Amino acid sequence: MTVYLARLYGGRPNSEDVESVVLWATFGIILGGRLGYVLFYELDSYLQEPLRILAVWHGGMSFHGGLLGVTAGIVICAWRRNIPLLKLADVVAPVVPIGLFFGRLANFINGELWGRVSDVPWAMVFPGAGDLPRHPSQLYEAFLEGLVLFAILAVLAHKPSVRIRHGVITGVFLLGYGLSRITAELFRMPDPQLGFLYGGLTMGQLLSVPMVLVGILLVLWGQYRASRGPQTKTVGQEENEISVLSNHAR
């Protein structure tokens, strides 16, 4: 789908660029996700046994850490291949909810990251979570972070008036995910080693607040750039600008 979006945008990134960014993003997800979990969720524990950081097969990945890793991968790829950074991010962002959807379904199937105790008709008992019925919060997240967010981004990506505002789609993704995660965490049990933090918030909610703020800034930035004049360029103009910037950078 990323290749399809790249063709929809035209110019760079092309299919070769997409292959490169997928490679960088994969490394970013693994390294960032693991290090994010260590730093945000169990730093004291891992400081006592540093070698456990390498034991990824025992679980422990953070979406917010993975996002930082993917962001670093996109920045590196854009720099190495002379691609407009925000345009590349806009091509990648609509694909992310697909992975989030299947990831949350896997959480549900594995009976992990369950919700808080509830008496709603669809509450269920999870193995290892006691005998009380709980919110299937994994499905709430799959719906909000996956299906709803994907639908919104897909619609926006097919609007030329949005595509020329580089950064808007990325901003909507960050804003949409942040709000979805904050909402879903109201029904999800906090991590047992952390519990509730400041003001009764969970770590997932606290880490999502900066995403919301950055998302708003990116949307406003895209709108501001568009208000200054037409942003549409031909492929030749875009490649010439990239070449000039690259020469100056050297």
C-alpha atoms as a PDB file:
ATOM      1  CA  MET A   1       0.000   0.000   0.000  1.00  0.00           C
ATOM      2  CA  THR A   2       2.920   2.341   0.644  1.00  0.00           C
ATOM      3  CA  VAL A   3       3.977   1.941  -2.999  1.00  0.00           C
ATOM      4  CA  TYR A   4       0.418   2.769  -4.082  1.00  0.00           C
ATOM      5  CA  LEU A   5       0.446   5.936  -1.967  1.00  0.00           C
ATOM      6  CA  ALA A   6       3.842   6.936  -3.352  1.00  0.00           C
ATOM      7  CA  ARG A   7       2.468   6.638  -6.895  1.00  0.00           C
ATOM      8  CA  LEU A   8      -0.596   8.610  -5.842  1.00  0.00           C
ATOM      9  CA  TYR A   9       1.625  11.470  -4.711  1.00  0.00           C
ATOM     10  CA  GLY A  10       3.885  11.323  -7.761  1.00  0.00           C
ATOM     11  CA  GLY A  11       7.585  12.178  -7.913  1.00  0.00           C
ATOM     12  CA  ARG A  12       9.619  11.166  -4.904  1.00  0.00           C
ATOM     13  CA  PRO A  13       9.389   8.914  -2.948  1.00  0.00           C
ATOM     14  CA  ASN A  14       9.275   6.220  -5.632  1.00  0.00           C
ATOM     15  CA  SER A  15       9.135   2.436  -5.279  1.00  0.00           C
ATOM     16  CA  GLU A  16      12.878   2.179  -4.576  1.00  0.00           C
ATOM     17  CA  ASP A  17      12.588   4.840  -1.898  1.00  0.00           C
ATOM     18  CA  VAL A  18       9.715   2.896  -0.332  1.00  0.00           C
ATOM     19  CA  GLU A  19      11.828  -0.273  -0.146  1.00  0.00           C
ATOM     20  CA  SER A  20      14.544   1.694   1.625  1.00  0.00           C
ATOM     21  CA  VAL A  21      12.204   3.319   4.133  1.00  0.00           C
ATOM     22  CA  VAL A  22      10.579  -0.053   4.932  1.00  0.00           C
ATOM     23  CA  LEU A  23      14.013  -1.425   5.819  1.00  0.00           C
ATOM     24  CA  TRP A  24      14.872   1.557   8.012  1.00  0.00           C
ATOM     25  CA  ALA A  25      11.414   1.545   9.602  1.00  0.00           C
ATOM     26  CA  THR A  26      11.701  -2.157  10.460  1.00  0.00           C
ATOM     27  CA  PHE A  27      14.950  -1.576  12.326  1.00  0.00           C
ATOM     28  CA  GLY A  28      13.370   1.447  13.977  1.00  0.00           C
ATOM     29  CA  ILE A  29      10.370  -0.535  15.207  1.00  0.00           C
ATOM     30  CA  ILE A  30      12.511  -3.274  16.739  1.00  0.00           C
ATOM     31  CA  LEU A  31      15.182  -1.095  18.328  1.00  0.00           C
ATOM     32  CA  GLY A  32      12.925   1.791  19.276  1.00  0.00           C
ATOM     33  CA  GLY A  33      10.138  -0.443  20.539  1.00  0.00           C
ATOM     34  CA  ARG A  34      12.469  -2.404  22.781  1.00  0.00           C
ATOM     35  CA  LEU A  35      14.433   0.552  24.105  1.00  0.00           C
ATOM     36  CA  GLY A  36      11.218   2.498  24.615  1.00  0.00           C
ATOM     37  CA  TYR A  37       9.806  -0.286  26.755  1.00  0.00           C
ATOM     38  CA  VAL A  38      12.999  -0.439  28.807  1.00  0.00           C
ATOM     39  CA  LEU A  39      13.107   3.333  29.366  1.00  0.00           C
ATOM     40  CA  PHE A  40       9.399   4.008  29.854  1.00  0.00           C
ATOM     41  CA  TYR A  41       8.165   0.912  31.650  1.00  0.00           C
ATOM     42  CA  GLU A  42      10.870  -1.111  33.464  1.00  0.00           C
ATOM     43  CA  LEU A  43      14.048   0.945  33.641  1.00  0.00           C
ATOM     44  CA  ASP A  44      14.948   0.000  37.237  1.00  0.00           C
ATOM     45  CA  SER A  45      14.477  -3.697  36.548  1.00  0.00           C
ATOM     46  CA  TYR A  46      16.640  -3.674  33.415  1.00  0.00           C
ATOM     47  CA  LEU A  47      19.367  -1.618  35.064  1.00  0.00           C
ATOM     48  CA  GLN A  48      19.772  -4.472  37.545  1.00  0.00           C
ATOM     49  CA  GLU A  49      20.001  -7.036  34.715  1.00  0.00           C
ATOM     50  CA  PRO A  50      21.141  -5.183  31.550  1.00  0.00           C
ATOM     51  CA  LEU A  51      21.487  -8.362  29.487  1.00  0.00           C
ATOM     52  CA  ARG A  52      17.708  -8.860  29.731  1.00  0.00           C
ATOM     53  CA  ILE A  53      17.357  -5.962  27.302  1.00  0.00           C
ATOM     54  CA  LEU A  54      18.489  -8.332  24.541  1.00  0.00           C
ATOM     55  CA  ALA A  55      15.886 -10.971  25.447  1.00  0.00           C
ATOM     56  CA  VAL A  56      13.196  -9.620  23.112  1.00  0.00           C
ATOM     57  CA  TRP A  57      11.628 -13.089  22.891  1.00  0.00           C
ATOM     58  CA  HIS A  58      10.394 -12.599  26.457  1.00  0.00           C
ATOM     59  CA  GLY A  59       8.210  -9.711  25.300  1.00  0.00           C
ATOM     60  CA  GLY A  60       8.276  -6.038  26.161  1.00  0.00           C
ATOM     61  CA  MET A  61       7.785  -3.590  23.288  1.00  0.00           C
ATOM     62  CA  SER A  62       6.541  -0.006  23.432  1.00  0.00           C
ATOM     63  CA  PHE A  63       4.529   1.565  20.617  1.00  0.00           C
ATOM     64  CA  HIS A  64       5.759   5.040  21.531  1.00  0.00           C
ATOM     65  CA  GLY A  65       9.359   3.830  21.483  1.00  0.00           C
ATOM     66  CA  GLY A  66       8.725   2.106  18.166  1.00  0.00           C
ATOM     67  CA  LEU A  67       7.262   5.342  16.811  1.00  0.00           C
ATOM     68  CA  LEU A  68      10.409   7.230  17.771  1.00  0.00           C
ATOM     69  CA  GLY A  69      12.463   4.517  16.078  1.00  0.00           C
ATOM     70  CA  VAL A  70      10.399   4.696  12.900  1.00  0.00           C
ATOM     71  CA  THR A  71      10.647   8.488  12.938  1.00  0.00           C
ATOM     72  CA  ALA A  72      14.430   8.222  13.139  1.00  0.00           C
ATOM     73  CA  GLY A  73      14.367   5.719  10.264  1.00  0.00           C
ATOM     74  CA  ILE A  74      12.249   8.040   8.106  1.00  0.00           C
ATOM     75  CA  VAL A  75      14.542  10.992   8.843  1.00  0.00           C
ATOM     76  CA  ILE A  76      17.643   8.971   7.942  1.00  0.00           C
ATOM     77  CA  CYS A  77      16.040   7.625   4.759  1.00  0.00           C
ATOM     78  CA  ALA A  78      14.853  11.082   3.689  1.00  0.00           C
ATOM     79  CA  TRP A  79      18.322  12.515   4.281  1.00  0.00           C
ATOM     80  CA  ARG A  80      20.225   9.722   2.532  1.00  0.00           C
ATOM     81  CA  ARG A  81      17.957   9.633  -0.505  1.00  0.00           C
ATOM     82  CA  ASN A  82      17.202  13.368  -0.731  1.00  0.00           C
ATOM     83  CA  ILE A  83      13.432  13.017  -0.280  1.00  0.00           C
ATOM     84  CA  PRO A  84      11.184  15.721   1.221  1.00  0.00           C
ATOM     85  CA  LEU A  85      10.849  14.582   4.837  1.00  0.00           C
ATOM     86  CA  LEU A  86       7.206  15.467   5.504  1.00  0.00           C
ATOM     87  CA  LYS A  87       6.101  14.093   2.151  1.00  0.00           C
ATOM     88  CA  LEU A  88       7.786  10.774   2.945  1.00  0.00           C
ATOM     89  CA  ALA A  89       6.166  10.735   6.383  1.00  0.00           C
ATOM     90  CA  ASP A  90       2.759  11.391   4.792  1.00  0.00           C
ATOM     91  CA  VAL A  91       3.233   8.364   2.526  1.00  0.00           C
ATOM     92  CA  VAL A  92       4.126   6.093   5.447  1.00  0.00           C
ATOM     93  CA  ALA A  93       1.583   7.297   8.039  1.00  0.00           C
ATOM     94  CA  PRO A  94      -1.630   5.855   6.497  1.00  0.00           C
ATOM     95  CA  VAL A  95      -0.137   2.359   6.517  1.00  0.00           C
ATOM     96  CA  VAL A  96       0.668   2.290  10.235  1.00  0.00           C
ATOM     97  CA  PRO A  97      -2.931   1.722  11.467  1.00  0.00           C
ATOM     98  CA  ILE A  98      -3.027  -1.574   9.556  1.00  0.00           C
ATOM     99  CA  GLY A  99      -0.200  -2.929  11.706  1.00  0.00           C
ATOM    100  CA  LEU A 100      -1.796  -1.479  14.826  1.00  0.00           C
ATOM    101  CA  PHE A 101      -5.081  -3.232  14.049  1.00  0.00           C
ATOM    102  CA  PHE A 102      -3.514  -6.678  13.717  1.00  0.00           C
ATOM    103  CA  GLY A 103      -1.223  -6.043  16.680  1.00  0.00           C
ATOM    104  CA  ARG A 104      -4.182  -5.317  18.953  1.00  0.00           C
ATOM    105  CA  LEU A 105      -6.020  -8.373  17.660  1.00  0.00           C
ATOM    106  CA  ALA A 106      -2.946 -10.421  18.585  1.00  0.00           C
ATOM    107  CA  ASN A 107      -3.048  -8.886  22.083  1.00  0.00           C
ATOM    108  CA  PHE A 108      -6.679  -9.968  22.375  1.00  0.00           C
ATOM    109  CA  ILE A 109      -6.047 -13.504  21.119  1.00  0.00           C
ATOM    110  CA  ASN A 110      -3.072 -13.893  23.457  1.00  0.00           C
ATOM    111  CA  GLY A 111      -5.131 -12.648  26.397  1.00  0.00           C
ATOM    112  CA  GLU A 112      -2.733  -9.826  27.260  1.00  0.00           C
ATOM    113  CA  LEU A 113      -3.111  -6.103  27.990  1.00  0.00           C
ATOM    114  CA  TRP A 114      -6.646  -6.716  29.194  1.00  0.00           C
ATOM    115  CA  GLY A 115      -9.120  -4.092  30.368  1.00  0.00           C
ATOM    116  CA  ARG A 116     -10.464  -2.974  33.713  1.00  0.00           C
ATOM    117  CA  VAL A 117     -13.171  -4.832  35.605  1.00  0.00           C
ATOM    118  CA  SER A 118     -16.601  -4.075  34.174  1.00  0.00           C
ATOM    119  CA  ASP A 119     -20.220  -5.244  34.162  1.00  0.00           C
ATOM    120  CA  VAL A 120     -20.991  -4.285  30.549  1.00  0.00           C
ATOM    121  CA  PRO A 121     -22.735  -7.095  28.600  1.00  0.00           C
ATOM    122  CA  TRP A 122     -19.674  -7.731  26.410  1.00  0.00           C
ATOM    123  CA  ALA A 123     -17.180  -7.938  29.306  1.00  0.00           C
ATOM    124  CA  MET A 124     -15.191 -11.163  29.423  1.00  0.00           C
ATOM    125  CA  VAL A 125     -12.908 -13.138  31.688  1.00  0.00           C
ATOM    126  CA  PHE A 126      -9.286 -13.305  30.536  1.00  0.00           C
ATOM    127  CA  PRO A 127      -6.951 -16.170  31.494  1.00  0.00           C
ATOM    128  CA  GLY A 128      -4.547 -14.977  34.156  1.00  0.00           C
ATOM    129  CA  ALA A 129      -6.615 -11.884  34.981  1.00  0.00           C
ATOM    130  CA  GLY A 130      -8.749 -13.397  37.730  1.00  0.00           C
ATOM    131  CA  ASP A 131     -12.399 -14.427  37.723  1.00  0.00           C
ATOM    132  CA  LEU A 132     -13.953 -11.002  37.175  1.00  0.00           C
ATOM    133  CA  PRO A 133     -15.154  -9.928  33.713  1.00  0.00           C
ATOM    134  CA  ARG A 134     -13.222  -7.103  32.083  1.00  0.00           C
ATOM    135  CA  HIS A 135     -13.397  -4.693  29.175  1.00  0.00           C
ATOM    136  CA  PRO A 136     -11.911  -6.205  25.995  1.00  0.00           C
ATOM    137  CA  SER A 137      -9.814  -3.043  25.695  1.00  0.00           C
ATOM    138  CA  GLN A 138      -7.614  -4.622  23.024  1.00  0.00           C
ATOM    139  CA  LEU A 139     -10.630  -4.603  20.687  1.00  0.00           C
ATOM    140  CA  TYR A 140     -11.380  -0.984  21.547  1.00  0.00           C
ATOM    141  CA  GLU A 141      -7.836  -0.103  20.543  1.00  0.00           C
ATOM    142  CA  ALA A 142      -8.025  -2.210  17.385  1.00  0.00           C
ATOM    143  CA  PHE A 143     -11.157  -0.310  16.396  1.00  0.00           C
ATOM    144  CA  LEU A 144      -9.939   3.214  17.243  1.00  0.00           C
ATOM    145  CA  GLU A 145      -6.212   2.981  16.462  1.00  0.00           C
ATOM    146  CA  GLY A 146      -6.711   0.613  13.541  1.00  0.00           C
ATOM    147  CA  LEU A 147      -9.990   0.794  11.656  1.00  0.00           C
ATOM    148  CA  VAL A 148     -11.130   4.341  12.439  1.00  0.00           C
ATOM    149  CA  LEU A 149      -7.717   5.934  12.044  1.00  0.00           C
ATOM    150  CA  PHE A 150      -7.023   4.020   8.833  1.00  0.00           C
ATOM    151  CA  ALA A 151     -10.357   5.129   7.332  1.00  0.00           C
ATOM    152  CA  ILE A 152      -9.659   8.780   8.166  1.00  0.00           C
ATOM    153  CA  LEU A 153      -6.141   8.727   6.740  1.00  0.00           C
ATOM    154  CA  ALA A 154      -7.227   6.826   3.616  1.00  0.00           C
ATOM    155  CA  VAL A 155      -9.868   9.447   2.855  1.00  0.00           C
ATOM    156  CA  LEU A 156      -7.424  12.299   3.405  1.00  0.00           C
ATOM    157  CA  ALA A 157      -4.709  10.655   1.284  1.00  0.00           C
ATOM    158  CA  HIS A 158      -7.094  10.563  -1.685  1.00  0.00           C
ATOM    159  CA  LYS A 159      -7.759  14.308  -1.523  1.00  0.00           C
ATOM    160  CA  PRO A 160      -5.279  16.286  -3.693  1.00  0.00           C
ATOM    161  CA  SER A 161      -5.972  19.392  -1.614  1.00  0.00           C
ATOM    162  CA  VAL A 162      -4.652  17.525   1.452  1.00  0.00           C
ATOM    163  CA  ARG A 163      -1.745  15.765  -0.256  1.00  0.00           C
ATOM    164  CA  ILE A 164      -0.145  19.072  -1.280  1.00  0.00           C
ATOM    165  CA  ARG A 165      -0.104  20.162   2.364  1.00  0.00           C
ATOM    166  CA  HIS A 166       2.892  18.102   3.403  1.00  0.00           C
ATOM    167  CA  GLY A 167       2.770  17.174   7.069  1.00  0.00           C
ATOM    168  CA  VAL A 168      -1.004  17.337   7.467  1.00  0.00           C
ATOM    169  CA  ILE A 169      -1.593  13.585   7.078  1.00  0.00           C
ATOM    170  CA  THR A 170       1.272  12.807   9.461  1.00  0.00           C
ATOM    171  CA  GLY A 171      -0.171  15.320  11.904  1.00  0.00           C
ATOM    172  CA  VAL A 172      -3.621  13.772  11.702  1.00  0.00           C
ATOM    173  CA  PHE A 173      -2.095  10.348  12.356  1.00  0.00           C
ATOM    174  CA  LEU A 174      -0.268  11.560  15.469  1.00  0.00           C
ATOM    175  CA  LEU A 175      -3.319  13.452  16.686  1.00  0.00           C
ATOM    176  CA  GLY A 176      -5.689  10.568  15.932  1.00  0.00           C
ATOM    177  CA  TYR A 177      -3.523   7.910  17.539  1.00  0.00           C
ATOM    178  CA  GLY A 178      -2.855  10.031  20.600  1.00  0.00           C
ATOM    179  CA  LEU A 179      -6.544  10.709  21.212  1.00  0.00           C
ATOM    180  CA  SER A 180      -7.450   7.069  20.507  1.00  0.00           C
ATOM    181  CA  ARG A 181      -4.843   5.756  22.939  1.00  0.00           C
ATOM    182  CA  ILE A 182      -5.809   8.233  25.649  1.00  0.00           C
ATOM    183  CA  THR A 183      -9.448   7.194  25.270  1.00  0.00           C
ATOM    184  CA  ALA A 184      -8.786   3.441  25.161  1.00  0.00           C
ATOM    185  CA  GLU A 185      -6.551   3.626  28.228  1.00  0.00           C
ATOM    186  CA  LEU A 186      -9.612   4.698  30.234  1.00  0.00           C
ATOM    187  CA  PHE A 187     -10.787   1.087  29.890  1.00  0.00           C
ATOM    188  CA  ARG A 188      -7.412  -0.689  30.012  1.00  0.00           C
ATOM    189  CA  MET A 189      -5.531  -1.829  33.094  1.00  0.00           C
ATOM    190  CA  PRO A 190      -2.303   0.107  33.646  1.00  0.00           C
ATOM    191  CA  ASP A 191       0.975  -1.758  33.577  1.00  0.00           C
ATOM    192  CA  PRO A 192       1.259  -3.561  36.949  1.00  0.00           C
ATOM    193  CA  GLN A 193       4.818  -2.394  37.632  1.00  0.00           C
ATOM    194  CA  LEU A 194       3.760   1.247  37.178  1.00  0.00           C
ATOM    195  CA  GLY A 195       0.094   1.481  38.105  1.00  0.00           C
ATOM    196  CA  PHE A 196      -1.619   4.837  37.830  1.00  0.00           C
ATOM    197  CA  LEU A 197       0.676   7.848  37.641  1.00  0.00           C
ATOM    198  CA  TYR A 198       0.114  11.599  37.866  1.00  0.00           C
ATOM    199  CA  GLY A 199      -3.535  12.537  38.243  1.00  0.00           C
ATOM    200  CA  GLY A 200      -4.623   8.947  37.776  1.00  0.00           C
ATOM    201  CA  LEU A 201      -3.179   8.820  34.263  1.00  0.00           C
ATOM    202  CA  THR A 202      -1.393   5.815  32.808  1.00  0.00           C
ATOM    203  CA  MET A 203       2.000   5.818  31.138  1.00  0.00           C
ATOM    204  CA  GLY A 204       0.313   5.245  27.776  1.00  0.00           C
ATOM    205  CA  GLN A 205      -1.797   8.368  28.241  1.00  0.00           C
ATOM    206  CA  LEU A 206       1.142  10.505  29.353  1.00  0.00           C
ATOM    207  CA  LEU A 207       3.244   9.422  26.374  1.00  0.00           C
ATOM    208  CA  SER A 208       0.341  10.160  24.020  1.00  0.00           C
ATOM    209  CA  VAL A 209      -0.032  13.801  25.081  1.00  0.00           C
ATOM    210  CA  PRO A 210       3.124  14.950  23.192  1.00  0.00           C
ATOM    211  CA  MET A 211       1.844  13.076  20.119  1.00  0.00           C
ATOM    212  CA  VAL A 212      -1.369  15.091  20.200  1.00  0.00           C
ATOM    213  CA  LEU A 213       0.528  18.372  20.527  1.00  0.00           C
ATOM    214  CA  VAL A 214       2.988  17.559  17.720  1.00  0.00           C
ATOM    215  CA  GLY A 215       0.094  16.387  15.549  1.00  0.00           C
ATOM    216  CA  ILE A 216      -1.720  19.693  15.999  1.00  0.00           C
ATOM    217  CA  LEU A 217       1.454  21.628  15.166  1.00  0.00           C
ATOM    218  CA  LEU A 218       2.030  19.622  11.975  1.00  0.00           C
ATOM    219  CA  VAL A 219      -1.538  20.166  10.787  1.00  0.00           C
ATOM    220  CA  LEU A 220      -1.246  23.902  11.460  1.00  0.00           C
ATOM    221  CA  TRP A 221       2.152  23.992   9.730  1.00  0.00           C
ATOM    222  CA  GLY A 222       0.768  22.297   6.628  1.00  0.00           C
ATOM    223  CA  GLN A 223      -2.144  24.715   6.539  1.00  0.00           C
ATOM    224  CA  TYR A 224       0.186  27.696   7.036  1.00  0.00           C
ATOM    225  CA  ARG A 225       2.449  26.652   4.167  1.00  0.00           C
ATOM    226  CA  ALA A 226      -0.557  26.192   1.921  1.00  0.00           C
ATOM    227  CA  SER A 227      -1.858  29.658   2.798  1.00  0.00           C
ATOM    228  CA  ARG A 228       1.398  31.211   1.621  1.00  0.00           C
ATOM    229  CA  GLY A 229       0.826  30.075  -1.924  1.00  0.00           C
ATOM    230  CA  PRO A 230       0.451  27.027  -4.202  1.00  0.00           C
ATOM    231  CA  GLN A 231       2.512  24.068  -3.042  1.00  0.00           C
ATOM    232  CA  THR A 232       2.061  21.975  -6.175  1.00  0.00           C
ATOM    233  CA  LYS A 233       5.263  21.303  -8.141  1.00  0.00           C
ATOM    234  CA  THR A 234       6.042  19.233 -11.155  1.00  0.00           C
ATOM    235  CA  VAL A 235       8.249  16.200 -10.722  1.00  0.00           C
ATOM    236  CA  GLY A 236      11.079  18.002 -12.504  1.00  0.00           C
ATOM    237  CA  GLN A 237      10.800  21.066 -10.267  1.00  0.00           C
ATOM    238  CA  GLU A 238      10.750  18.913  -7.144  1.00  0.00           C
ATOM    239  CA  GLU A 239      13.814  16.923  -8.197  1.00  0.00           C
ATOM    240  CA  ASN A 240      15.701  20.113  -9.143  1.00  0.00           C
ATOM    241  CA  GLU A 241      14.981  21.591  -5.706  1.00  0.00           C
ATOM    242  CA  ILE A 242      16.189  18.414  -4.013  1.00  0.00           C
ATOM    243  CA  SER A 243      19.375  18.477  -6.089  1.00  0.00           C
ATOM    244  CA  VAL A 244      20.096  22.112  -5.182  1.00  0.00           C
ATOM    245  CA  LEU A 245      19.536  21.422  -1.460  1.00  0.00           C
ATOM    246  CA  SER A 246      21.772  18.376  -1.663  1.00  0.00           C
ATOM    247  CA  ASN A 247      24.603  20.368  -3.283  1.00  0.00           C
ATOM    248  CA  HIS A 248      24.376  23.037  -0.591  1.00  0.00           C
ATOM    249  CA  ALA A 249      24.426  20.349   2.105  1.00  0.00           C
ATOM    250  CA  ARG A 250      27.665  18.933   0.766  1.00  0.00           C
END
